[in-house]
Amino acid sequence: MKSLKIAIVGAGPAGLAAALFLARAGHATEIIERFDNPAPVGSALMLQPTGLTVLESLGLGPAIHTAGNRIDRLYGTETRHGRIVLDVRYDALAGGRYGLAVHRAALFDTLYDEVSARRHFVFTGRRVVSTLEEDGQTYLVIEGGERLGPYDLVVDASGARSELVAASPVAPPTRNLTYGAFWATLDCPDGLVDERALTQRYDQAKVMIGVLPIGRRRPDLPKQAALFWSLKVADADEVRRQGLDRWKAAVRGYWPECQPLLDQIRDWDQLTLARYAHRTVATSYSGRTVFVGDAAHSTSPQLGQGANMALLDVASLAHALAGSGDIETALAAYAKARRLHMRLFQLLSLAFTPFYQSDSAALAWIRDRLVAVIAKIPPGPQILASIVSGTLVDPFAAAGLSECNWLQNTVPQPS
């Protein structure tokens, strides 16, 4: 395909990665960001073998590994009887896979530093409110009346609250999830938890507490961990009203070993309330606007796939453009390439979430008695590992990628 002029709306990880992929393919890109200073939002995330492969293909593997912490296992117990109710090991599958826990800022910094080094143009302080298509080209309408463009293609990477997708003919229905979570990023003393595991504690499905070691965002910082506490979003204000000490006492009652983390929390401002919604566009493009990441699909974080799905989206989009003779064919190819993988993991996340975040005592009872058994009897361990890895169906070929050789630590090249 000829070189295109492409606008990328949003300077989050999906938008930044899109700029790198598309510029490498010879397209001219402009990033349009609503905030005056682009910055990450949130506490921590898990990069799965899928997302890590995408970053390796951009040459960013060493940088993100330096800023993160390797995770080999997801492990959780219920608090009443100590039953194991989550035990997923990446090594249940051959090939040496693992996850990488990182601060969201570490992922943002890794991508933003590369975008800055390559001198991609970024418009900041401009809120895109709509698009306008004229004569086969697209303009962006900015709050206040300014117009940018024309562009051959617009990539909407502005997240779950995208105004562009909401105003489009393919706008998805949104189901706000009842449960969210308080998150905090804290210094993590050695020996507090298994450094190679995401460790969780549960009381039925109403309480979920987790500690995720995320390494050092920068070499001059201490090791950190993300502490999270699941709760109903509607209850958050009442929890705050009852006071920080009462909340900390509740956490301590379930997990006394968390005291060194709780001691660092002195104000509610240190805790971020994350809200989640389930939504999926029927078609991931409309006209000359294509949706990637949370603008196209979002769900609960139970399977840890969000950022990884976004990275796969932009790799697949770049691959579809490279393999097509016109934009319309490319967008159809992109939608087809991502459809099965995206919808499968949307469905799995929606199905698994009530077992860990809901008011259902029955689902928690089933979980407590079956999950540990499934995790021990083949092919259960292998299926669980492939779900967490994001590879239950192959997402790489459609993105023009080959999965990393994790055992040899080799960097894959785009096919």
Protein backbone atom coordinates (compact mmCIF):
# COMPACT_ATOMS: atom_id res chain seq x y z
CA MET A 1 0.00 0.00 0.00
CA LYS A 2 1.13 3.55 -0.67
CA SER A 3 2.27 5.69 2.22
CA LEU A 4 -0.72 7.01 4.18
CA LYS A 5 -1.17 10.01 6.44
CA ILE A 6 -2.60 8.56 9.64
CA ALA A 7 -3.96 10.27 12.74
CA ILE A 8 -3.70 8.34 15.99
CA VAL A 9 -6.11 9.54 18.68
CA GLY A 10 -4.71 8.85 22.15
CA ALA A 11 -1.15 8.63 23.47
CA GLY A 12 -1.62 5.58 25.66
CA PRO A 13 0.24 2.31 25.05
CA ALA A 14 -2.00 1.35 22.10
CA GLY A 15 -1.58 4.71 20.39
CA LEU A 16 2.16 4.87 20.96
CA ALA A 17 2.69 1.31 19.71
CA ALA A 18 0.52 2.08 16.68
CA ALA A 19 2.70 5.05 15.81
CA LEU A 20 5.84 2.90 15.97
CA PHE A 21 4.40 0.09 13.84
CA LEU A 22 2.87 2.37 11.22
CA ALA A 23 5.86 4.68 10.88
CA ARG A 24 8.14 1.66 10.49
CA ALA A 25 5.92 0.61 7.57
CA GLY A 26 6.48 3.98 5.91
CA HIS A 27 3.29 5.81 6.88
CA ALA A 28 3.24 9.39 8.18
CA THR A 29 1.66 9.51 11.63
CA GLU A 30 0.44 12.20 13.98
CA ILE A 31 -0.59 11.45 17.56
CA ILE A 32 -3.36 13.62 18.99
CA GLU A 33 -3.62 13.58 22.80
CA ARG A 34 -6.26 15.33 24.90
CA PHE A 35 -3.98 16.04 27.87
CA ASP A 36 -1.27 18.68 27.87
CA ASN A 37 1.28 16.15 29.10
CA PRO A 38 0.76 12.51 28.10
CA ALA A 39 0.92 10.28 31.15
CA PRO A 40 0.00 6.75 32.22
CA VAL A 41 -3.15 5.96 34.16
CA GLY A 42 -3.39 3.14 36.73
CA SER A 43 -1.15 1.00 38.88
CA ALA A 44 0.09 -2.26 37.38
CA LEU A 45 -0.55 -4.78 34.63
CA MET A 46 0.59 -8.15 33.38
CA LEU A 47 2.32 -8.45 30.05
CA GLN A 48 1.62 -11.92 28.73
CA PRO A 49 3.63 -13.80 26.09
CA THR A 50 1.37 -12.16 23.50
CA GLY A 51 2.14 -8.58 24.50
CA LEU A 52 5.79 -9.37 25.14
CA THR A 53 6.13 -10.78 21.62
CA VAL A 54 4.70 -7.56 20.17
CA LEU A 55 7.12 -5.43 22.20
CA GLU A 56 10.05 -7.65 21.20
CA SER A 57 9.12 -7.16 17.54
CA LEU A 58 9.47 -3.39 18.12
CA GLY A 59 12.90 -3.90 19.67
CA LEU A 60 11.62 -2.93 23.13
CA GLY A 61 12.00 -6.29 24.85
CA PRO A 62 15.19 -5.49 26.78
CA ALA A 63 13.84 -2.15 28.01
CA ILE A 64 10.54 -3.52 29.30
CA HIS A 65 12.21 -6.53 30.94
CA THR A 66 14.56 -4.21 32.81
CA ALA A 67 11.57 -2.29 34.19
CA GLY A 68 9.41 -5.32 35.10
CA ASN A 69 9.35 -8.52 37.11
CA ARG A 70 9.04 -12.04 35.75
CA ILE A 71 5.93 -13.96 36.89
CA ASP A 72 5.83 -17.75 36.60
CA ARG A 73 2.66 -18.52 38.55
CA LEU A 74 -0.78 -17.23 39.50
CA TYR A 75 -1.66 -18.54 42.95
CA GLY A 76 -4.63 -17.93 45.23
CA THR A 77 -6.19 -19.41 48.36
CA GLU A 78 -9.51 -18.90 50.12
CA THR A 79 -9.16 -17.47 53.59
CA ARG A 80 -11.50 -19.72 55.63
CA HIS A 81 -9.93 -23.13 55.03
CA GLY A 82 -6.81 -22.32 53.05
CA ARG A 83 -7.97 -24.19 49.96
CA ILE A 84 -6.05 -23.50 46.76
CA VAL A 85 -8.54 -21.91 44.38
CA LEU A 86 -6.14 -20.58 41.76
CA ASP A 87 -2.96 -22.28 40.61
CA VAL A 88 -1.85 -21.54 37.07
CA ARG A 89 1.75 -22.14 36.03
CA TYR A 90 3.09 -20.89 32.72
CA ASP A 91 5.49 -23.85 32.53
CA ALA A 92 2.54 -26.25 32.19
CA LEU A 93 3.08 -25.52 28.50
CA ALA A 94 6.35 -26.33 26.79
CA GLY A 95 8.43 -23.45 25.50
CA GLY A 96 9.43 -21.51 28.60
CA ARG A 97 6.64 -18.94 28.65
CA TYR A 98 6.17 -16.47 31.50
CA GLY A 99 4.40 -13.24 32.30
CA LEU A 100 5.99 -9.88 33.11
CA ALA A 101 4.44 -7.69 35.80
CA VAL A 102 5.09 -3.99 35.25
CA HIS A 103 3.97 -0.64 36.51
CA ARG A 104 1.74 0.94 33.88
CA ALA A 105 4.13 3.85 33.85
CA ALA A 106 6.97 1.50 32.89
CA LEU A 107 5.11 0.36 29.78
CA PHE A 108 4.16 3.93 28.94
CA ASP A 109 7.72 5.20 29.45
CA THR A 110 9.20 2.42 27.31
CA LEU A 111 6.92 3.24 24.39
CA TYR A 112 6.95 7.02 24.83
CA ASP A 113 10.75 7.16 25.00
CA GLU A 114 10.93 5.29 21.69
CA VAL A 115 8.30 7.55 20.10
CA SER A 116 10.23 10.62 21.30
CA ALA A 117 13.56 9.24 20.10
CA ARG A 118 12.09 8.73 16.62
CA ARG A 119 10.59 12.22 16.67
CA HIS A 120 6.99 11.31 16.05
CA PHE A 121 4.79 14.37 15.99
CA VAL A 122 2.42 14.64 18.96
CA PHE A 123 -0.37 17.23 19.27
CA THR A 124 -1.19 17.68 22.96
CA GLY A 125 -4.02 19.47 24.73
CA ARG A 126 -6.48 18.67 21.94
CA ARG A 127 -9.66 16.77 22.69
CA VAL A 128 -11.02 15.07 19.59
CA VAL A 129 -14.82 15.26 19.64
CA SER A 130 -15.70 13.89 16.19
CA THR A 131 -14.51 13.05 12.70
CA LEU A 132 -15.61 14.52 9.40
CA GLU A 133 -15.23 12.64 6.12
CA GLU A 134 -14.94 14.59 2.88
CA ASP A 135 -13.86 13.36 -0.56
CA GLY A 136 -12.42 10.11 0.77
CA GLN A 137 -10.37 11.77 3.49
CA THR A 138 -11.03 12.31 7.17
CA TYR A 139 -10.67 15.39 9.36
CA LEU A 140 -10.58 15.48 13.14
CA VAL A 141 -12.79 18.02 14.86
CA ILE A 142 -11.22 19.36 18.04
CA GLU A 143 -13.12 20.80 21.00
CA GLY A 144 -13.34 24.52 20.37
CA GLY A 145 -13.78 24.16 16.62
CA GLU A 146 -10.23 23.51 15.40
CA ARG A 147 -9.95 21.01 12.57
CA LEU A 148 -6.94 18.75 11.89
CA GLY A 149 -6.23 16.90 8.69
CA PRO A 150 -6.98 15.71 6.17
CA TYR A 151 -5.97 12.14 6.93
CA ASP A 152 -6.23 8.96 4.93
CA LEU A 153 -6.97 6.96 8.08
CA VAL A 154 -7.79 7.59 11.76
CA VAL A 155 -6.76 5.12 14.45
CA ASP A 156 -8.87 5.52 17.58
CA ALA A 157 -6.76 4.45 20.54
CA SER A 158 -8.47 6.73 23.05
CA GLY A 159 -9.69 4.02 25.40
CA ALA A 160 -12.94 2.66 26.77
CA ARG A 161 -14.51 6.11 27.02
CA SER A 162 -13.78 6.94 23.38
CA GLU A 163 -16.08 9.65 22.07
CA LEU A 164 -15.39 8.54 18.50
CA VAL A 165 -16.64 4.99 18.95
CA ALA A 166 -19.61 6.20 21.02
CA ALA A 167 -20.71 8.43 18.14
CA SER A 168 -20.11 5.82 15.44
CA PRO A 169 -22.63 3.45 13.84
CA VAL A 170 -20.78 0.52 15.43
CA ALA A 171 -20.99 1.87 19.00
CA PRO A 172 -21.20 -1.11 21.37
CA PRO A 173 -23.60 -1.47 24.29
CA THR A 174 -21.75 -1.03 27.56
CA ARG A 175 -22.25 -3.24 30.59
CA ASN A 176 -20.70 -1.64 33.66
CA LEU A 177 -19.38 -4.36 35.95
CA THR A 178 -20.53 -4.34 39.56
CA TYR A 179 -17.09 -4.97 41.01
CA GLY A 180 -14.01 -2.82 40.68
CA ALA A 181 -10.89 -2.57 42.82
CA PHE A 182 -8.76 -0.25 44.92
CA TRP A 183 -5.15 -0.30 43.68
CA ALA A 184 -1.97 1.05 45.25
CA THR A 185 1.66 0.85 44.17
CA LEU A 186 3.95 0.39 47.15
CA ASP A 187 7.51 -0.52 48.05
CA CYS A 188 7.78 -4.28 48.45
CA PRO A 189 10.11 -5.70 51.15
CA ASP A 190 12.04 -8.83 50.21
CA GLY A 191 10.30 -12.03 51.30
CA LEU A 192 6.83 -10.51 51.67
CA VAL A 193 5.42 -12.69 48.89
CA ASP A 194 6.76 -15.01 46.23
CA GLU A 195 8.45 -12.61 43.80
CA ARG A 196 7.65 -14.87 40.84
CA ALA A 197 3.92 -15.11 41.54
CA LEU A 198 0.72 -13.10 41.54
CA THR A 199 -0.63 -14.06 44.95
CA GLN A 200 -4.28 -13.65 45.90
CA ARG A 201 -6.60 -14.33 48.85
CA TYR A 202 -10.39 -14.75 48.64
CA ASP A 203 -13.41 -14.75 50.93
CA GLN A 204 -16.05 -16.38 48.74
CA ALA A 205 -16.28 -14.15 45.66
CA LYS A 206 -17.02 -10.96 47.59
CA VAL A 207 -13.46 -10.29 48.72
CA MET A 208 -10.35 -10.60 46.58
CA ILE A 209 -6.98 -9.27 47.73
CA GLY A 210 -3.88 -9.52 45.58
CA VAL A 211 -0.20 -8.65 45.64
CA LEU A 212 1.64 -8.42 42.32
CA PRO A 213 5.41 -7.78 42.48
CA ILE A 214 6.22 -5.40 39.61
CA GLY A 215 9.98 -4.91 39.92
CA ARG A 216 11.68 -1.55 39.57
CA ARG A 217 10.23 1.04 37.22
CA ARG A 218 13.65 2.71 37.23
CA PRO A 219 17.01 1.43 38.51
CA ASP A 220 17.11 4.12 41.22
CA LEU A 221 13.78 3.03 42.74
CA PRO A 222 13.16 0.19 45.22
CA LYS A 223 11.28 -2.96 44.24
CA GLN A 224 7.55 -2.36 44.21
CA ALA A 225 4.32 -4.32 44.31
CA ALA A 226 0.74 -3.53 43.42
CA LEU A 227 -1.77 -4.21 46.19
CA PHE A 228 -5.38 -4.53 45.13
CA TRP A 229 -8.67 -5.04 46.98
CA SER A 230 -11.81 -5.97 45.06
CA LEU A 231 -15.08 -4.30 46.03
CA LYS A 232 -18.39 -3.15 44.62
CA VAL A 233 -17.95 0.22 42.95
CA ALA A 234 -21.19 1.39 44.59
CA ASP A 235 -19.69 0.68 48.03
CA ALA A 236 -16.48 2.66 47.52
CA ASP A 237 -17.75 5.93 49.01
CA GLU A 238 -19.05 4.15 52.11
CA VAL A 239 -15.73 2.36 52.57
CA ARG A 240 -13.95 5.70 52.40
CA ARG A 241 -16.42 7.25 54.85
CA GLN A 242 -15.77 4.53 57.40
CA GLY A 243 -12.11 5.47 57.37
CA LEU A 244 -8.76 4.21 56.20
CA ASP A 245 -7.94 2.45 59.47
CA ARG A 246 -11.06 0.30 59.25
CA TRP A 247 -10.26 -0.70 55.67
CA LYS A 248 -6.67 -1.54 56.58
CA ALA A 249 -7.91 -3.62 59.51
CA ALA A 250 -10.13 -5.61 57.14
CA VAL A 251 -7.19 -6.32 54.81
CA ARG A 252 -5.00 -7.24 57.77
CA GLY A 253 -7.67 -9.60 59.08
CA TYR A 254 -7.55 -11.60 55.88
CA TRP A 255 -3.81 -11.31 55.24
CA PRO A 256 -1.69 -10.19 58.22
CA GLU A 257 1.53 -10.43 56.19
CA CYS A 258 0.39 -7.38 54.19
CA GLN A 259 1.10 -5.11 57.15
CA PRO A 260 4.35 -3.66 55.65
CA LEU A 261 2.36 -2.60 52.61
CA LEU A 262 -0.54 -1.19 54.63
CA ASP A 263 1.88 0.85 56.78
CA GLN A 264 2.81 2.84 53.67
CA ILE A 265 -0.80 3.89 52.97
CA ARG A 266 -1.55 7.09 54.89
CA ASP A 267 -4.18 8.69 52.68
CA TRP A 268 -7.01 7.61 50.40
CA ASP A 269 -5.28 9.51 47.59
CA GLN A 270 -2.73 6.68 47.46
CA LEU A 271 -5.50 4.32 46.36
CA THR A 272 -6.98 4.40 42.86
CA LEU A 273 -10.48 3.06 42.29
CA ALA A 274 -10.56 1.08 39.05
CA ARG A 275 -13.93 0.63 37.36
CA TYR A 276 -14.50 -1.99 34.68
CA ALA A 277 -16.99 -2.43 31.85
CA HIS A 278 -17.69 -5.11 29.27
CA ARG A 279 -18.10 -3.86 25.72
CA THR A 280 -17.20 -5.08 22.24
CA VAL A 281 -17.75 -3.33 18.92
CA ALA A 282 -19.55 -5.45 16.34
CA THR A 283 -17.09 -4.27 13.66
CA SER A 284 -13.77 -2.72 14.62
CA TYR A 285 -13.92 0.09 12.07
CA SER A 286 -16.37 2.63 10.69
CA GLY A 287 -15.59 4.45 7.46
CA ARG A 288 -11.94 5.51 7.61
CA THR A 289 -11.77 5.25 11.42
CA VAL A 290 -10.45 2.04 12.97
CA PHE A 291 -10.74 1.16 16.66
CA VAL A 292 -7.99 -0.52 18.68
CA GLY A 293 -7.51 -1.47 22.33
CA ASP A 294 -10.16 -0.49 24.85
CA ALA A 295 -11.91 1.67 22.25
CA ALA A 296 -12.80 -1.57 20.47
CA HIS A 297 -13.14 -3.96 23.40
CA SER A 298 -12.88 -3.94 27.19
CA THR A 299 -13.77 -6.28 30.01
CA SER A 300 -12.75 -7.19 33.55
CA PRO A 301 -9.02 -7.64 34.22
CA GLN A 302 -9.52 -11.16 35.56
CA LEU A 303 -7.41 -12.80 32.83
CA GLY A 304 -4.89 -9.96 32.58
CA GLN A 305 -5.30 -9.50 28.82
CA GLY A 306 -6.16 -5.81 28.34
CA ALA A 307 -2.85 -4.24 27.34
CA ASN A 308 -1.83 -7.39 25.50
CA MET A 309 -4.97 -7.34 23.35
CA ALA A 310 -4.30 -3.69 22.50
CA LEU A 311 -0.74 -4.44 21.42
CA LEU A 312 -1.95 -7.33 19.26
CA ASP A 313 -4.55 -5.01 17.70
CA VAL A 314 -1.99 -2.48 16.48
CA ALA A 315 0.40 -5.16 15.22
CA SER A 316 -2.48 -6.77 13.32
CA LEU A 317 -3.58 -3.43 11.87
CA ALA A 318 -0.08 -2.65 10.59
CA HIS A 319 0.16 -6.15 9.10
CA ALA A 320 -3.23 -5.81 7.39
CA LEU A 321 -2.26 -2.46 5.85
CA ALA A 322 1.03 -3.92 4.62
CA GLY A 323 -0.74 -6.83 2.95
CA SER A 324 -3.59 -4.95 1.25
CA GLY A 325 -3.85 -2.73 -1.79
CA ASP A 326 -6.41 -0.31 -0.39
CA ILE A 327 -7.68 0.91 2.96
CA GLU A 328 -11.10 -0.74 2.78
CA THR A 329 -9.58 -4.17 2.14
CA ALA A 330 -7.03 -3.60 4.92
CA LEU A 331 -9.66 -2.68 7.51
CA ALA A 332 -11.75 -5.72 6.64
CA ALA A 333 -8.63 -7.90 6.95
CA TYR A 334 -7.80 -6.35 10.33
CA ALA A 335 -11.31 -6.97 11.66
CA LYS A 336 -11.20 -10.59 10.49
CA ALA A 337 -7.72 -11.15 11.90
CA ARG A 338 -8.69 -10.05 15.40
CA ARG A 339 -12.29 -11.27 15.59
CA LEU A 340 -11.87 -14.83 16.89
CA HIS A 341 -9.10 -14.14 19.39
CA MET A 342 -10.72 -11.00 20.76
CA ARG A 343 -14.21 -12.46 21.13
CA LEU A 344 -12.94 -15.69 22.67
CA PHE A 345 -11.06 -13.88 25.41
CA GLN A 346 -13.92 -11.44 25.95
CA LEU A 347 -16.18 -14.45 26.52
CA LEU A 348 -13.68 -16.22 28.80
CA SER A 349 -13.13 -13.13 30.91
CA LEU A 350 -16.86 -12.58 31.27
CA ALA A 351 -17.35 -16.25 32.23
CA PHE A 352 -14.52 -16.42 34.78
CA THR A 353 -15.16 -13.10 36.54
CA PRO A 354 -18.25 -14.12 38.60
CA PHE A 355 -16.27 -16.96 40.20
CA TYR A 356 -13.87 -14.39 41.70
CA GLN A 357 -15.87 -11.14 41.83
CA SER A 358 -19.57 -11.48 42.58
CA ASP A 359 -22.16 -11.97 45.33
CA SER A 360 -22.68 -15.61 44.38
CA ALA A 361 -21.86 -18.00 47.23
CA ALA A 362 -22.72 -20.91 44.94
CA LEU A 363 -20.12 -19.99 42.32
CA ALA A 364 -17.50 -19.49 45.01
CA TRP A 365 -18.35 -22.91 46.46
CA ILE A 366 -17.89 -24.54 43.05
CA ARG A 367 -14.64 -22.65 42.48
CA ASP A 368 -13.20 -23.64 45.86
CA ARG A 369 -13.75 -27.33 45.23
CA LEU A 370 -12.99 -27.71 41.55
CA VAL A 371 -10.31 -25.27 40.44
CA ALA A 372 -7.41 -26.88 42.30
CA VAL A 373 -8.42 -30.28 40.93
CA ILE A 374 -8.64 -28.98 37.36
CA ALA A 375 -5.24 -27.35 37.77
CA LYS A 376 -3.66 -30.75 38.51
CA ILE A 377 -5.29 -33.13 36.01
CA PRO A 378 -4.18 -32.92 32.34
CA PRO A 379 -5.11 -31.23 30.13
CA GLY A 380 -6.39 -28.77 32.76
CA PRO A 381 -2.99 -27.22 33.59
CA GLN A 382 -2.17 -26.77 29.91
CA ILE A 383 -5.56 -25.20 29.10
CA LEU A 384 -5.33 -22.79 32.04
CA ALA A 385 -1.79 -21.81 31.07
CA SER A 386 -2.82 -21.15 27.47
CA ILE A 387 -5.77 -19.04 28.62
CA VAL A 388 -3.60 -16.87 30.84
CA SER A 389 -0.89 -16.67 28.16
CA GLY A 390 -3.46 -15.43 25.65
CA THR A 391 -2.66 -18.28 23.26
CA LEU A 392 -5.70 -20.56 23.48
CA VAL A 393 -5.99 -19.75 19.78
CA ASP A 394 -2.95 -18.49 17.86
CA PRO A 395 -2.92 -14.67 17.81
CA PHE A 396 0.49 -14.29 16.19
CA ALA A 397 0.06 -15.34 12.57
CA ALA A 398 -2.73 -12.85 11.96
CA ALA A 399 -0.47 -10.09 13.29
CA GLY A 400 2.46 -11.10 11.08
CA LEU A 401 4.50 -12.18 14.10
CA SER A 402 6.28 -15.28 15.31
CA GLU A 403 6.19 -15.95 19.03
CA CYS A 404 9.41 -15.40 20.92
CA ASN A 405 11.66 -18.35 21.56
CA TRP A 406 11.51 -17.89 25.31
CA LEU A 407 14.04 -20.62 26.09
CA GLN A 408 16.69 -19.06 23.88
CA ASN A 409 15.53 -15.52 24.55
CA THR A 410 15.65 -14.69 20.86
CA VAL A 411 13.82 -11.71 19.40
CA PRO A 412 11.24 -12.56 16.71
CA GLN A 413 11.10 -10.63 13.47
CA PRO A 414 7.86 -9.67 11.74
CA SER A 415 6.97 -12.10 8.94
